[in-house]
Amino acid sequence: MARLALALAERKQITGAPFVQYANAHMSRSITPVFVMTGRSMIRSVRVSKIPGAYRSLIALRRYYDTGEAVRDAYPERKARTKDALDEALQVLGNDVPKQQRDLILDHFAEVLTQSKSSSNVPG
């Protein structure tokens, strides 16, 4: 809905700020229910053979942020790298989660992690 509202605001040359605020608030409200709904099926589908790879991915992500390498990267690159690492780590949970829900969760947590480490490269 927020995307539709933004498109209409752009067409009518109205500021989109209220719609962006609405979209952000909606994401904040919806991420928990989506995560809970997908969490049950994710727990049932754990693939033990993928645990070592998931662990290595999370350790590499931690090293990326702790060494300061993340701060030197541009924001889009840092977010993409974070999302890729989280995606690799979530491979342990199998493919039972629909792609749209998985992408929603990955985008949200990649955004949170990326923004939490540096406010200097945050877009906007």
Protein backbone atom coordinates (compact mmCIF):
# COMPACT_ATOMS: atom_id res chain seq x y z
CA MET A 1 0.00 0.00 0.00
CA ALA A 2 2.80 2.39 0.84
CA ARG A 3 4.39 1.92 -2.58
CA LEU A 4 1.10 2.70 -4.27
CA ALA A 5 0.69 5.79 -2.08
CA LEU A 6 4.24 6.92 -2.93
CA ALA A 7 3.60 6.46 -6.65
CA LEU A 8 0.41 8.51 -6.41
CA ALA A 9 2.14 11.21 -4.38
CA GLU A 10 4.92 11.38 -6.94
CA ARG A 11 2.42 11.64 -9.79
CA LYS A 12 0.56 14.47 -8.00
CA GLN A 13 3.88 16.07 -6.97
CA ILE A 14 3.06 15.80 -3.29
CA THR A 15 5.75 15.15 -0.70
CA GLY A 16 6.11 11.45 0.04
CA ALA A 17 7.44 11.84 3.60
CA PRO A 18 4.17 10.84 5.35
CA PHE A 19 3.95 7.74 3.15
CA VAL A 20 7.55 6.78 3.90
CA GLN A 21 6.85 7.15 7.62
CA TYR A 22 3.75 5.00 7.22
CA ALA A 23 5.71 2.32 5.34
CA ASN A 24 8.42 2.24 8.00
CA ALA A 25 5.86 2.00 10.79
CA HIS A 26 4.03 -0.76 8.93
CA MET A 27 7.26 -2.73 8.50
CA SER A 28 7.98 -2.36 12.21
CA ARG A 29 4.54 -3.74 13.06
CA SER A 30 4.54 -6.55 10.53
CA ILE A 31 8.03 -8.04 10.85
CA THR A 32 7.33 -9.78 14.17
CA PRO A 33 4.15 -11.60 13.06
CA VAL A 34 5.79 -12.64 9.80
CA PHE A 35 8.84 -13.90 11.66
CA VAL A 36 6.69 -15.87 14.15
CA MET A 37 4.62 -17.43 11.36
CA THR A 38 7.68 -18.53 9.44
CA GLY A 39 9.65 -19.40 12.56
CA ARG A 40 7.64 -22.54 13.30
CA SER A 41 8.24 -24.08 9.90
CA MET A 42 11.86 -22.96 9.97
CA ILE A 43 12.52 -24.81 13.23
CA ARG A 44 11.02 -28.02 11.84
CA SER A 45 13.21 -27.87 8.76
CA VAL A 46 16.68 -27.51 10.31
CA ARG A 47 19.35 -29.16 8.18
CA VAL A 48 22.13 -30.24 10.51
CA SER A 49 24.66 -30.64 7.70
CA LYS A 50 24.42 -26.89 6.98
CA ILE A 51 25.23 -25.77 10.54
CA PRO A 52 29.04 -25.53 10.09
CA GLY A 53 28.62 -23.33 6.98
CA ALA A 54 26.11 -21.12 8.75
CA TYR A 55 28.48 -20.74 11.68
CA ARG A 56 31.39 -19.79 9.39
CA SER A 57 29.20 -17.25 7.62
CA LEU A 58 28.21 -15.56 10.88
CA ILE A 59 31.80 -15.55 12.13
CA ALA A 60 32.94 -13.95 8.85
CA LEU A 61 30.18 -11.32 9.15
CA ARG A 62 31.22 -10.55 12.71
CA ARG A 63 34.86 -10.22 11.63
CA TYR A 64 33.78 -7.94 8.75
CA TYR A 65 32.16 -5.54 11.21
CA ASP A 66 34.66 -5.88 14.07
CA THR A 67 37.73 -5.18 11.94
CA GLY A 68 36.29 -1.92 10.63
CA GLU A 69 36.15 -3.18 7.06
CA ALA A 70 32.39 -2.64 7.01
CA VAL A 71 32.70 1.03 7.87
CA ARG A 72 35.08 1.56 4.94
CA ASP A 73 32.60 0.05 2.48
CA ALA A 74 29.81 2.12 0.96
CA TYR A 75 26.40 1.62 2.56
CA PRO A 76 24.84 -0.38 -0.34
CA GLU A 77 27.84 -2.71 -0.48
CA ARG A 78 27.78 -3.19 3.31
CA LYS A 79 24.06 -3.98 3.27
CA ALA A 80 24.40 -6.42 0.34
CA ARG A 81 27.29 -8.21 2.02
CA THR A 82 25.36 -8.41 5.29
CA LYS A 83 22.26 -9.75 3.54
CA ASP A 84 24.31 -12.37 1.68
CA ALA A 85 25.92 -13.55 4.92
CA LEU A 86 22.57 -13.76 6.69
CA ASP A 87 21.09 -15.63 3.74
CA GLU A 88 23.92 -18.14 3.82
CA ALA A 89 23.47 -18.57 7.57
CA LEU A 90 19.75 -19.19 7.12
CA GLN A 91 20.42 -22.02 4.68
CA VAL A 92 20.54 -24.22 7.77
CA LEU A 93 16.78 -23.77 8.02
CA GLY A 94 15.99 -25.32 4.66
CA ASN A 95 13.79 -23.98 1.91
CA ASP A 96 10.35 -24.40 3.47
CA VAL A 97 9.97 -20.65 4.00
CA PRO A 98 8.42 -18.88 1.02
CA LYS A 99 10.92 -16.67 -0.83
CA GLN A 100 8.92 -13.49 -0.30
CA GLN A 101 8.82 -13.97 3.47
CA ARG A 102 12.48 -14.98 3.58
CA ASP A 103 13.50 -11.87 1.61
CA LEU A 104 11.40 -9.67 3.89
CA ILE A 105 13.15 -11.02 6.97
CA LEU A 106 16.60 -10.84 5.38
CA ASP A 107 16.07 -7.26 4.19
CA HIS A 108 14.88 -6.14 7.59
CA PHE A 109 17.72 -7.66 9.58
CA ALA A 110 20.36 -6.65 7.04
CA GLU A 111 19.06 -3.07 7.28
CA VAL A 112 19.10 -3.15 11.09
CA LEU A 113 22.63 -4.55 11.25
CA THR A 114 23.95 -2.22 8.60
CA GLN A 115 22.51 0.88 10.21
CA SER A 116 23.55 -0.14 13.73
CA LYS A 117 27.24 -0.17 12.88
CA SER A 118 27.58 3.23 11.26
CA SER A 119 25.34 6.21 10.97
CA SER A 120 27.82 8.05 8.77
CA ASN A 121 27.07 6.01 5.63
CA VAL A 122 23.33 5.57 6.06
CA PRO A 123 21.45 6.84 3.00
CA GLY A 124 19.08 9.71 3.22
